[in-house]
Amino acid sequence: MISRVLILFFAIVVLVSCKEEVMPKPKAMLRLQYPEGNYNTFNTQKFEFLKNEIATVKQEKQSGLVLDYPMMKGSLYLTYKPINGNLNQLLTDAQRLSYEHVVKADNIVEQPFLNPEDGVYGMFYEVTGNAASQSQFYVTDSTNHFLTGSLYFYAKPNYDSIYPAAIYLQKDIRRVMESLKWK
């Protein structure tokens, strides 16, 4: 009788003790690493700037071009317009375009840009949240030249997923603005 109780006791202990303890998995973060930017001068008829080597240039129209970043599934659309007494209208249009994303954006941060040495003045808009565009900018010399830029990704916006690429491309946009020279 004691042997049956001991066998039953050991059987229960073995069955209960072999059960693996359930532990929650730790939260993981996707780690995306992009190459360090190498920049070369890119020339157009109206301006020049430093372009990241990983970007390919596509001519859209006579006044626009696209810097395509296939690795990040994003593109920076640049549009050039000459100023013909319409600076206020161009500024209004650029600001309106940036704030069209306020419906889906969590926040839009304006960052003024001034480079009096090269005659380049403008504004950089950093958009956070699930907006269609994560960054917008415009630069001008206030007399002859006006350039706008918009960053778009190929996928439906999900800010958490595109955040690393958005940060990388925002640095590239700032490099474009800082290195821009009018002709």
N, C-alpha and C. Protein backbone atom coordinates (compact mmCIF):
# COMPACT_ATOMS: atom_id res chain seq x y z
N MET A 1 0.81 -1.18 0.00
CA MET A 1 0.00 0.00 0.00
C MET A 1 0.87 1.26 0.00
N ILE A 2 1.90 1.27 0.80
CA ILE A 2 2.80 2.41 0.86
C ILE A 2 3.53 2.55 -0.47
N SER A 3 3.88 1.44 -1.09
CA SER A 3 4.57 1.52 -2.37
C SER A 3 3.65 2.10 -3.45
N ARG A 4 2.37 1.77 -3.42
CA ARG A 4 1.42 2.34 -4.39
C ARG A 4 1.29 3.84 -4.17
N VAL A 5 1.24 4.28 -2.93
CA VAL A 5 1.12 5.72 -2.62
C VAL A 5 2.39 6.43 -3.07
N LEU A 6 3.57 5.82 -2.85
CA LEU A 6 4.82 6.43 -3.27
C LEU A 6 4.91 6.51 -4.80
N ILE A 7 4.50 5.46 -5.47
CA ILE A 7 4.52 5.46 -6.94
C ILE A 7 3.56 6.52 -7.46
N LEU A 8 2.36 6.61 -6.89
CA LEU A 8 1.38 7.62 -7.29
C LEU A 8 1.93 9.02 -7.00
N PHE A 9 2.54 9.21 -5.85
CA PHE A 9 3.12 10.50 -5.49
C PHE A 9 4.22 10.90 -6.47
N PHE A 10 5.14 9.98 -6.79
CA PHE A 10 6.22 10.28 -7.74
C PHE A 10 5.67 10.53 -9.15
N ALA A 11 4.63 9.81 -9.52
CA ALA A 11 4.01 10.02 -10.83
C ALA A 11 3.43 11.42 -10.91
N ILE A 12 2.75 11.85 -9.88
CA ILE A 12 2.16 13.20 -9.86
C ILE A 12 3.28 14.25 -9.87
N VAL A 13 4.32 14.06 -9.08
CA VAL A 13 5.44 15.01 -9.04
C VAL A 13 6.10 15.10 -10.41
N VAL A 14 6.33 13.98 -11.07
CA VAL A 14 6.96 13.98 -12.38
C VAL A 14 6.08 14.69 -13.39
N LEU A 15 4.80 14.42 -13.41
CA LEU A 15 3.89 15.07 -14.36
C LEU A 15 3.80 16.57 -14.11
N VAL A 16 3.74 16.98 -12.87
CA VAL A 16 3.62 18.40 -12.55
C VAL A 16 4.96 19.10 -12.76
N SER A 17 6.06 18.49 -12.40
CA SER A 17 7.35 19.15 -12.49
C SER A 17 7.89 19.25 -13.91
N CYS A 18 7.42 18.43 -14.82
CA CYS A 18 7.91 18.47 -16.20
C CYS A 18 7.27 19.59 -17.00
N LYS A 19 6.27 20.20 -16.46
CA LYS A 19 5.59 21.27 -17.17
C LYS A 19 6.51 22.49 -17.25
N GLU A 20 6.68 22.99 -18.46
CA GLU A 20 7.56 24.14 -18.65
C GLU A 20 6.84 25.40 -18.19
N GLU A 21 7.55 26.24 -17.46
CA GLU A 21 6.96 27.47 -16.95
C GLU A 21 6.76 28.45 -18.11
N VAL A 22 5.60 29.05 -18.18
CA VAL A 22 5.28 29.99 -19.25
C VAL A 22 5.84 31.35 -18.87
N MET A 23 6.66 31.88 -19.78
CA MET A 23 7.25 33.19 -19.55
C MET A 23 6.88 34.08 -20.73
N PRO A 24 6.49 35.32 -20.46
CA PRO A 24 6.18 36.22 -21.57
C PRO A 24 7.44 36.58 -22.34
N LYS A 25 7.29 36.73 -23.64
CA LYS A 25 8.45 37.10 -24.46
C LYS A 25 8.73 38.59 -24.29
N PRO A 26 9.99 38.95 -24.25
CA PRO A 26 10.31 40.38 -24.11
C PRO A 26 9.94 41.12 -25.39
N LYS A 27 9.63 42.41 -25.23
CA LYS A 27 9.33 43.23 -26.40
C LYS A 27 10.58 43.37 -27.24
N ALA A 28 10.41 43.26 -28.51
CA ALA A 28 11.56 43.36 -29.42
C ALA A 28 11.40 44.59 -30.29
N MET A 29 12.49 45.15 -30.66
CA MET A 29 12.50 46.29 -31.56
C MET A 29 13.23 45.88 -32.83
N LEU A 30 12.64 46.23 -33.97
CA LEU A 30 13.28 45.95 -35.24
C LEU A 30 14.47 46.88 -35.39
N ARG A 31 15.61 46.32 -35.68
CA ARG A 31 16.81 47.14 -35.82
C ARG A 31 17.18 47.23 -37.29
N LEU A 32 16.94 48.38 -37.84
CA LEU A 32 17.28 48.62 -39.23
C LEU A 32 18.53 49.49 -39.27
N GLN A 33 19.51 49.05 -39.99
CA GLN A 33 20.73 49.83 -40.13
C GLN A 33 20.90 50.20 -41.60
N TYR A 34 21.10 51.47 -41.82
CA TYR A 34 21.31 51.97 -43.16
C TYR A 34 22.76 52.42 -43.30
N PRO A 35 23.28 52.39 -44.51
CA PRO A 35 24.69 52.76 -44.69
C PRO A 35 24.93 54.24 -44.37
N GLU A 36 26.14 54.52 -43.95
CA GLU A 36 26.54 55.90 -43.72
C GLU A 36 26.43 56.65 -45.05
N GLY A 37 25.94 57.86 -45.01
CA GLY A 37 25.73 58.62 -46.24
C GLY A 37 27.03 59.08 -46.88
N ASN A 38 27.18 58.81 -48.16
CA ASN A 38 28.27 59.35 -48.97
C ASN A 38 27.63 60.30 -49.97
N TYR A 39 28.12 61.51 -50.03
CA TYR A 39 27.45 62.55 -50.80
C TYR A 39 28.33 63.06 -51.94
N ASN A 40 27.67 63.30 -53.08
CA ASN A 40 28.30 63.89 -54.25
C ASN A 40 27.46 65.06 -54.71
N THR A 41 28.10 66.02 -55.38
CA THR A 41 27.37 67.18 -55.89
C THR A 41 26.49 66.75 -57.06
N PHE A 42 25.23 67.18 -57.00
CA PHE A 42 24.28 66.94 -58.09
C PHE A 42 23.90 68.29 -58.66
N ASN A 43 24.03 68.46 -59.97
CA ASN A 43 23.78 69.74 -60.63
C ASN A 43 22.50 69.69 -61.45
N THR A 44 21.75 70.77 -61.37
CA THR A 44 20.64 71.01 -62.29
C THR A 44 20.92 72.36 -62.96
N GLN A 45 20.04 72.80 -63.82
CA GLN A 45 20.24 74.09 -64.49
C GLN A 45 20.11 75.26 -63.53
N LYS A 46 19.31 75.10 -62.46
CA LYS A 46 19.00 76.23 -61.57
C LYS A 46 19.69 76.17 -60.21
N PHE A 47 20.12 74.97 -59.79
CA PHE A 47 20.73 74.83 -58.46
C PHE A 47 21.57 73.56 -58.41
N GLU A 48 22.34 73.45 -57.33
CA GLU A 48 23.11 72.23 -57.07
C GLU A 48 23.03 71.93 -55.59
N PHE A 49 23.26 70.66 -55.23
CA PHE A 49 23.23 70.24 -53.84
C PHE A 49 23.97 68.93 -53.70
N LEU A 50 24.21 68.51 -52.46
CA LEU A 50 24.86 67.23 -52.20
C LEU A 50 23.78 66.15 -52.11
N LYS A 51 23.97 65.09 -52.91
CA LYS A 51 23.01 63.98 -52.98
C LYS A 51 23.66 62.73 -52.43
N ASN A 52 22.92 61.99 -51.63
CA ASN A 52 23.37 60.72 -51.09
C ASN A 52 23.54 59.72 -52.25
N GLU A 53 24.62 58.96 -52.25
CA GLU A 53 24.89 58.00 -53.33
C GLU A 53 23.84 56.89 -53.42
N ILE A 54 23.14 56.58 -52.32
CA ILE A 54 22.14 55.50 -52.39
C ILE A 54 20.85 55.96 -53.06
N ALA A 55 20.71 57.26 -53.29
CA ALA A 55 19.51 57.78 -53.96
C ALA A 55 19.73 57.79 -55.46
N THR A 56 18.70 57.38 -56.19
CA THR A 56 18.73 57.48 -57.64
C THR A 56 17.85 58.65 -58.05
N VAL A 57 18.26 59.36 -59.09
CA VAL A 57 17.53 60.55 -59.54
C VAL A 57 16.67 60.20 -60.73
N LYS A 58 15.42 60.60 -60.64
CA LYS A 58 14.48 60.45 -61.75
C LYS A 58 13.96 61.84 -62.10
N GLN A 59 14.06 62.20 -63.36
CA GLN A 59 13.52 63.48 -63.83
C GLN A 59 12.02 63.33 -63.99
N GLU A 60 11.24 64.13 -63.29
CA GLU A 60 9.79 64.06 -63.39
C GLU A 60 9.31 64.94 -64.52
N LYS A 61 9.37 66.20 -64.31
CA LYS A 61 8.98 67.17 -65.32
C LYS A 61 10.16 68.11 -65.49
N GLN A 62 9.95 69.13 -66.28
CA GLN A 62 11.04 70.09 -66.50
C GLN A 62 11.42 70.77 -65.19
N SER A 63 10.46 70.96 -64.28
CA SER A 63 10.74 71.69 -63.05
C SER A 63 10.84 70.80 -61.82
N GLY A 64 10.84 69.48 -62.01
CA GLY A 64 10.86 68.61 -60.84
C GLY A 64 11.70 67.38 -61.04
N LEU A 65 12.18 66.84 -59.91
CA LEU A 65 12.90 65.58 -59.95
C LEU A 65 12.61 64.82 -58.67
N VAL A 66 12.91 63.53 -58.70
CA VAL A 66 12.65 62.65 -57.57
C VAL A 66 13.95 61.99 -57.16
N LEU A 67 14.27 62.06 -55.87
CA LEU A 67 15.37 61.29 -55.31
C LEU A 67 14.74 60.04 -54.72
N ASP A 68 14.99 58.92 -55.36
CA ASP A 68 14.37 57.66 -54.97
C ASP A 68 15.33 56.86 -54.09
N TYR A 69 14.83 56.36 -52.96
CA TYR A 69 15.59 55.55 -52.02
C TYR A 69 14.96 54.17 -51.97
N PRO A 70 15.30 53.27 -52.90
CA PRO A 70 14.64 51.97 -52.97
C PRO A 70 14.85 51.12 -51.71
N MET A 71 16.00 51.24 -51.06
CA MET A 71 16.28 50.46 -49.86
C MET A 71 15.29 50.80 -48.73
N MET A 72 14.84 52.05 -48.71
CA MET A 72 13.93 52.50 -47.66
C MET A 72 12.49 52.64 -48.15
N LYS A 73 12.29 52.31 -49.41
CA LYS A 73 10.98 52.41 -50.03
C LYS A 73 10.36 53.79 -49.85
N GLY A 74 11.18 54.80 -50.16
CA GLY A 74 10.73 56.17 -50.04
C GLY A 74 11.31 57.03 -51.15
N SER A 75 10.69 58.19 -51.34
CA SER A 75 11.15 59.13 -52.36
C SER A 75 11.02 60.55 -51.86
N LEU A 76 11.98 61.38 -52.26
CA LEU A 76 11.93 62.80 -51.98
C LEU A 76 11.61 63.51 -53.30
N TYR A 77 10.46 64.15 -53.34
CA TYR A 77 10.01 64.86 -54.54
C TYR A 77 10.42 66.32 -54.44
N LEU A 78 11.20 66.79 -55.41
CA LEU A 78 11.66 68.17 -55.44
C LEU A 78 11.00 68.89 -56.61
N THR A 79 10.52 70.10 -56.34
CA THR A 79 9.88 70.91 -57.38
C THR A 79 10.47 72.31 -57.34
N TYR A 80 10.99 72.75 -58.48
CA TYR A 80 11.58 74.08 -58.61
C TYR A 80 10.60 75.00 -59.33
N LYS A 81 10.48 76.23 -58.82
CA LYS A 81 9.66 77.24 -59.49
C LYS A 81 10.40 78.57 -59.45
N PRO A 82 10.44 79.27 -60.58
CA PRO A 82 11.05 80.61 -60.56
C PRO A 82 10.09 81.60 -59.89
N ILE A 83 10.67 82.59 -59.26
CA ILE A 83 9.86 83.63 -58.63
C ILE A 83 9.64 84.75 -59.65
N ASN A 84 8.40 85.03 -59.94
CA ASN A 84 8.03 86.11 -60.87
C ASN A 84 7.05 87.04 -60.18
N GLY A 85 7.47 87.63 -59.08
CA GLY A 85 6.59 88.51 -58.32
C GLY A 85 5.53 87.75 -57.53
N ASN A 86 5.66 86.43 -57.43
CA ASN A 86 4.65 85.60 -56.77
C ASN A 86 5.19 84.89 -55.53
N LEU A 87 6.18 85.48 -54.85
CA LEU A 87 6.78 84.85 -53.69
C LEU A 87 5.76 84.55 -52.60
N ASN A 88 4.88 85.50 -52.33
CA ASN A 88 3.86 85.27 -51.28
C ASN A 88 2.97 84.08 -51.61
N GLN A 89 2.58 83.94 -52.86
CA GLN A 89 1.74 82.81 -53.26
C GLN A 89 2.50 81.49 -53.14
N LEU A 90 3.77 81.48 -53.54
CA LEU A 90 4.59 80.26 -53.43
C LEU A 90 4.77 79.86 -51.97
N LEU A 91 5.02 80.83 -51.10
CA LEU A 91 5.16 80.55 -49.67
C LEU A 91 3.86 80.02 -49.08
N THR A 92 2.75 80.62 -49.44
CA THR A 92 1.43 80.17 -48.96
C THR A 92 1.14 78.75 -49.40
N ASP A 93 1.43 78.46 -50.67
CA ASP A 93 1.19 77.11 -51.19
C ASP A 93 2.06 76.07 -50.48
N ALA A 94 3.33 76.39 -50.24
CA ALA A 94 4.24 75.46 -49.57
C ALA A 94 3.79 75.21 -48.13
N GLN A 95 3.39 76.25 -47.43
CA GLN A 95 2.93 76.10 -46.05
C GLN A 95 1.61 75.34 -46.00
N ARG A 96 0.71 75.62 -46.93
CA ARG A 96 -0.58 74.92 -46.98
C ARG A 96 -0.37 73.43 -47.24
N LEU A 97 0.55 73.10 -48.16
CA LEU A 97 0.84 71.70 -48.46
C LEU A 97 1.34 70.97 -47.22
N SER A 98 2.19 71.64 -46.45
CA SER A 98 2.72 71.01 -45.23
C SER A 98 1.61 70.77 -44.20
N TYR A 99 0.70 71.70 -44.08
CA TYR A 99 -0.33 71.57 -43.05
C TYR A 99 -1.56 70.79 -43.51
N GLU A 100 -1.58 70.31 -44.76
CA GLU A 100 -2.64 69.41 -45.19
C GLU A 100 -2.55 68.07 -44.46
N HIS A 101 -1.39 67.77 -43.90
CA HIS A 101 -1.16 66.50 -43.20
C HIS A 101 -1.56 66.55 -41.73
N VAL A 102 -2.04 67.71 -41.28
CA VAL A 102 -2.36 67.87 -39.86
C VAL A 102 -3.50 66.94 -39.41
N VAL A 103 -4.34 66.51 -40.33
CA VAL A 103 -5.45 65.62 -39.98
C VAL A 103 -4.95 64.30 -39.43
N LYS A 104 -3.94 63.71 -40.05
CA LYS A 104 -3.39 62.42 -39.63
C LYS A 104 -2.15 62.56 -38.75
N ALA A 105 -1.52 63.72 -38.77
CA ALA A 105 -0.26 63.90 -38.03
C ALA A 105 -0.52 64.07 -36.54
N ASP A 106 0.42 63.57 -35.74
CA ASP A 106 0.37 63.81 -34.30
C ASP A 106 0.93 65.19 -33.99
N ASN A 107 1.93 65.60 -34.77
CA ASN A 107 2.57 66.89 -34.55
C ASN A 107 3.32 67.30 -35.80
N ILE A 108 3.41 68.60 -36.03
CA ILE A 108 4.22 69.15 -37.11
C ILE A 108 5.13 70.20 -36.49
N VAL A 109 6.43 69.96 -36.60
CA VAL A 109 7.42 70.86 -36.01
C VAL A 109 8.06 71.67 -37.12
N GLU A 110 7.98 72.98 -37.01
CA GLU A 110 8.59 73.89 -37.98
C GLU A 110 10.01 74.21 -37.52
N GLN A 111 10.95 74.11 -38.44
CA GLN A 111 12.33 74.44 -38.14
C GLN A 111 12.85 75.39 -39.20
N PRO A 112 12.98 76.69 -38.87
CA PRO A 112 13.48 77.66 -39.86
C PRO A 112 14.90 77.33 -40.29
N PHE A 113 15.21 77.66 -41.53
CA PHE A 113 16.54 77.42 -42.08
C PHE A 113 17.06 78.73 -42.68
N LEU A 114 18.26 79.13 -42.27
CA LEU A 114 18.88 80.36 -42.76
C LEU A 114 20.33 80.08 -43.16
N ASN A 115 20.66 80.41 -44.41
CA ASN A 115 22.04 80.34 -44.89
C ASN A 115 22.30 81.60 -45.70
N PRO A 116 22.55 82.74 -45.01
CA PRO A 116 22.72 84.00 -45.73
C PRO A 116 23.95 84.02 -46.64
N GLU A 117 24.95 83.21 -46.30
CA GLU A 117 26.17 83.15 -47.11
C GLU A 117 25.87 82.71 -48.55
N ASP A 118 24.98 81.72 -48.71
CA ASP A 118 24.62 81.23 -50.05
C ASP A 118 23.25 81.75 -50.50
N GLY A 119 22.61 82.60 -49.71
CA GLY A 119 21.31 83.15 -50.08
C GLY A 119 20.21 82.10 -50.11
N VAL A 120 20.21 81.21 -49.11
CA VAL A 120 19.21 80.15 -49.04
C VAL A 120 18.47 80.29 -47.71
N TYR A 121 17.15 80.48 -47.80
CA TYR A 121 16.30 80.65 -46.63
C TYR A 121 15.09 79.74 -46.78
N GLY A 122 14.62 79.19 -45.70
CA GLY A 122 13.46 78.32 -45.84
C GLY A 122 12.94 77.79 -44.53
N MET A 123 12.18 76.70 -44.66
CA MET A 123 11.54 76.07 -43.51
C MET A 123 11.52 74.56 -43.73
N PHE A 124 11.82 73.83 -42.66
CA PHE A 124 11.75 72.37 -42.67
C PHE A 124 10.61 71.97 -41.74
N TYR A 125 9.72 71.11 -42.23
CA TYR A 125 8.59 70.63 -41.43
C TYR A 125 8.78 69.15 -41.14
N GLU A 126 8.91 68.82 -39.86
CA GLU A 126 9.01 67.43 -39.44
C GLU A 126 7.63 66.98 -38.99
N VAL A 127 7.09 65.97 -39.65
CA VAL A 127 5.74 65.50 -39.39
C VAL A 127 5.82 64.17 -38.65
N THR A 128 5.18 64.08 -37.49
CA THR A 128 5.15 62.82 -36.76
C THR A 128 3.73 62.26 -36.79
N GLY A 129 3.62 60.96 -36.76
CA GLY A 129 2.32 60.30 -36.83
C GLY A 129 2.12 59.62 -38.17
N ASN A 130 0.93 59.15 -38.41
CA ASN A 130 0.62 58.36 -39.61
C ASN A 130 0.20 59.24 -40.79
N ALA A 131 0.90 60.32 -41.00
CA ALA A 131 0.61 61.21 -42.13
C ALA A 131 1.21 60.64 -43.41
N ALA A 132 0.70 61.10 -44.55
CA ALA A 132 1.19 60.61 -45.84
C ALA A 132 2.65 61.00 -46.07
N SER A 133 3.04 62.20 -45.64
CA SER A 133 4.41 62.68 -45.81
C SER A 133 5.03 62.92 -44.44
N GLN A 134 6.24 62.44 -44.25
CA GLN A 134 6.92 62.58 -42.96
C GLN A 134 7.75 63.85 -42.86
N SER A 135 8.04 64.48 -43.99
CA SER A 135 8.83 65.70 -44.00
C SER A 135 8.47 66.53 -45.22
N GLN A 136 8.51 67.83 -45.03
CA GLN A 136 8.29 68.79 -46.11
C GLN A 136 9.31 69.91 -45.90
N PHE A 137 9.67 70.58 -46.97
CA PHE A 137 10.52 71.76 -46.83
C PHE A 137 10.35 72.67 -48.03
N TYR A 138 10.78 73.91 -47.83
CA TYR A 138 10.93 74.82 -48.95
C TYR A 138 12.15 75.68 -48.68
N VAL A 139 12.82 76.09 -49.75
CA VAL A 139 13.95 77.02 -49.67
C VAL A 139 13.82 78.02 -50.82
N THR A 140 14.33 79.22 -50.59
CA THR A 140 14.25 80.27 -51.58
C THR A 140 15.38 81.26 -51.37
N ASP A 141 15.64 82.07 -52.39
CA ASP A 141 16.56 83.19 -52.23
C ASP A 141 15.76 84.49 -52.13
N SER A 142 14.44 84.39 -52.19
CA SER A 142 13.48 85.50 -52.04
C SER A 142 13.38 86.40 -53.26
N THR A 143 14.18 86.16 -54.30
CA THR A 143 14.10 87.01 -55.49
C THR A 143 13.92 86.23 -56.79
N ASN A 144 14.61 85.10 -56.94
CA ASN A 144 14.58 84.37 -58.21
C ASN A 144 14.16 82.91 -58.11
N HIS A 145 14.54 82.24 -57.05
CA HIS A 145 14.42 80.78 -56.97
C HIS A 145 13.54 80.33 -55.80
N PHE A 146 12.78 79.23 -56.04
CA PHE A 146 11.94 78.64 -55.00
C PHE A 146 11.92 77.13 -55.21
N LEU A 147 12.30 76.36 -54.18
CA LEU A 147 12.35 74.90 -54.28
C LEU A 147 11.58 74.30 -53.11
N THR A 148 10.68 73.36 -53.42
CA THR A 148 9.96 72.64 -52.37
C THR A 148 10.34 71.17 -52.44
N GLY A 149 10.19 70.50 -51.31
CA GLY A 149 10.47 69.07 -51.24
C GLY A 149 9.50 68.37 -50.31
N SER A 150 9.12 67.15 -50.68
CA SER A 150 8.20 66.34 -49.88
C SER A 150 8.70 64.90 -49.85
N LEU A 151 8.69 64.30 -48.66
CA LEU A 151 9.12 62.92 -48.48
C LEU A 151 7.88 62.02 -48.39
N TYR A 152 7.85 61.00 -49.26
CA TYR A 152 6.75 60.03 -49.25
C TYR A 152 7.33 58.62 -49.26
N PHE A 153 6.63 57.70 -48.61
CA PHE A 153 7.00 56.29 -48.62
C PHE A 153 6.02 55.53 -49.50
N TYR A 154 6.45 54.39 -50.06
CA TYR A 154 5.64 53.61 -50.98
C TYR A 154 4.48 52.90 -50.28
N ALA A 155 4.52 52.78 -48.99
CA ALA A 155 3.54 51.98 -48.25
C ALA A 155 2.57 52.88 -47.50
N LYS A 156 1.48 52.26 -47.03
CA LYS A 156 0.53 52.97 -46.19
C LYS A 156 1.27 53.45 -44.94
N PRO A 157 1.08 54.71 -44.55
CA PRO A 157 1.86 55.22 -43.44
C PRO A 157 1.57 54.51 -42.12
N ASN A 158 2.60 53.99 -41.51
CA ASN A 158 2.57 53.44 -40.16
C ASN A 158 3.84 53.97 -39.50
N TYR A 159 3.69 55.02 -38.72
CA TYR A 159 4.84 55.77 -38.21
C TYR A 159 5.84 54.89 -37.48
N ASP A 160 5.37 53.94 -36.69
CA ASP A 160 6.29 53.07 -35.96
C ASP A 160 7.18 52.27 -36.90
N SER A 161 6.63 51.83 -38.02
CA SER A 161 7.38 51.01 -38.96
C SER A 161 8.37 51.81 -39.80
N ILE A 162 7.97 53.02 -40.20
CA ILE A 162 8.83 53.80 -41.09
C ILE A 162 9.75 54.76 -40.34
N TYR A 163 9.63 54.81 -39.02
CA TYR A 163 10.40 55.77 -38.22
C TYR A 163 11.91 55.75 -38.52
N PRO A 164 12.59 54.58 -38.50
CA PRO A 164 14.04 54.61 -38.77
C PRO A 164 14.38 55.18 -40.15
N ALA A 165 13.61 54.82 -41.16
CA ALA A 165 13.86 55.34 -42.51
C ALA A 165 13.54 56.83 -42.57
N ALA A 166 12.48 57.26 -41.89
CA ALA A 166 12.10 58.67 -41.88
C ALA A 166 13.20 59.52 -41.26
N ILE A 167 13.78 59.06 -40.16
CA ILE A 167 14.86 59.80 -39.51
C ILE A 167 16.08 59.88 -40.43
N TYR A 168 16.43 58.77 -41.07
CA TYR A 168 17.57 58.75 -41.99
C TYR A 168 17.34 59.75 -43.14
N LEU A 169 16.16 59.71 -43.72
CA LEU A 169 15.88 60.58 -44.86
C LEU A 169 15.73 62.04 -44.45
N GLN A 170 15.27 62.30 -43.23
CA GLN A 170 15.22 63.69 -42.76
C GLN A 170 16.63 64.27 -42.67
N LYS A 171 17.60 63.46 -42.27
CA LYS A 171 18.99 63.92 -42.26
C LYS A 171 19.46 64.23 -43.68
N ASP A 172 19.06 63.40 -44.64
CA ASP A 172 19.41 63.66 -46.04
C ASP A 172 18.77 64.96 -46.54
N ILE A 173 17.53 65.19 -46.15
CA ILE A 173 16.84 66.42 -46.56
C ILE A 173 17.58 67.63 -46.01
N ARG A 174 17.97 67.55 -44.76
CA ARG A 174 18.72 68.66 -44.17
C ARG A 174 20.05 68.88 -44.90
N ARG A 175 20.67 67.80 -45.33
CA ARG A 175 21.92 67.92 -46.09
C ARG A 175 21.65 68.62 -47.42
N VAL A 176 20.55 68.28 -48.07
CA VAL A 176 20.17 68.96 -49.33
C VAL A 176 20.01 70.45 -49.07
N MET A 177 19.28 70.80 -48.01
CA MET A 177 19.04 72.22 -47.70
C MET A 177 20.35 72.95 -47.38
N GLU A 178 21.19 72.33 -46.57
CA GLU A 178 22.43 72.97 -46.14
C GLU A 178 23.44 73.14 -47.28
N SER A 179 23.42 72.25 -48.25
CA SER A 179 24.41 72.29 -49.33
C SER A 179 23.90 72.98 -50.59
N LEU A 180 22.64 73.39 -50.60
CA LEU A 180 22.03 73.98 -51.80
C LEU A 180 22.70 75.29 -52.18
N LYS A 181 23.00 75.42 -53.46
CA LYS A 181 23.53 76.66 -54.01
C LYS A 181 22.77 76.98 -55.29
N TRP A 182 22.36 78.23 -55.40
CA TRP A 182 21.62 78.67 -56.59
C TRP A 182 22.59 79.00 -57.70
N LYS A 183 22.13 78.88 -58.95
CA LYS A 183 22.97 79.24 -60.11
C LYS A 183 22.43 80.50 -60.74
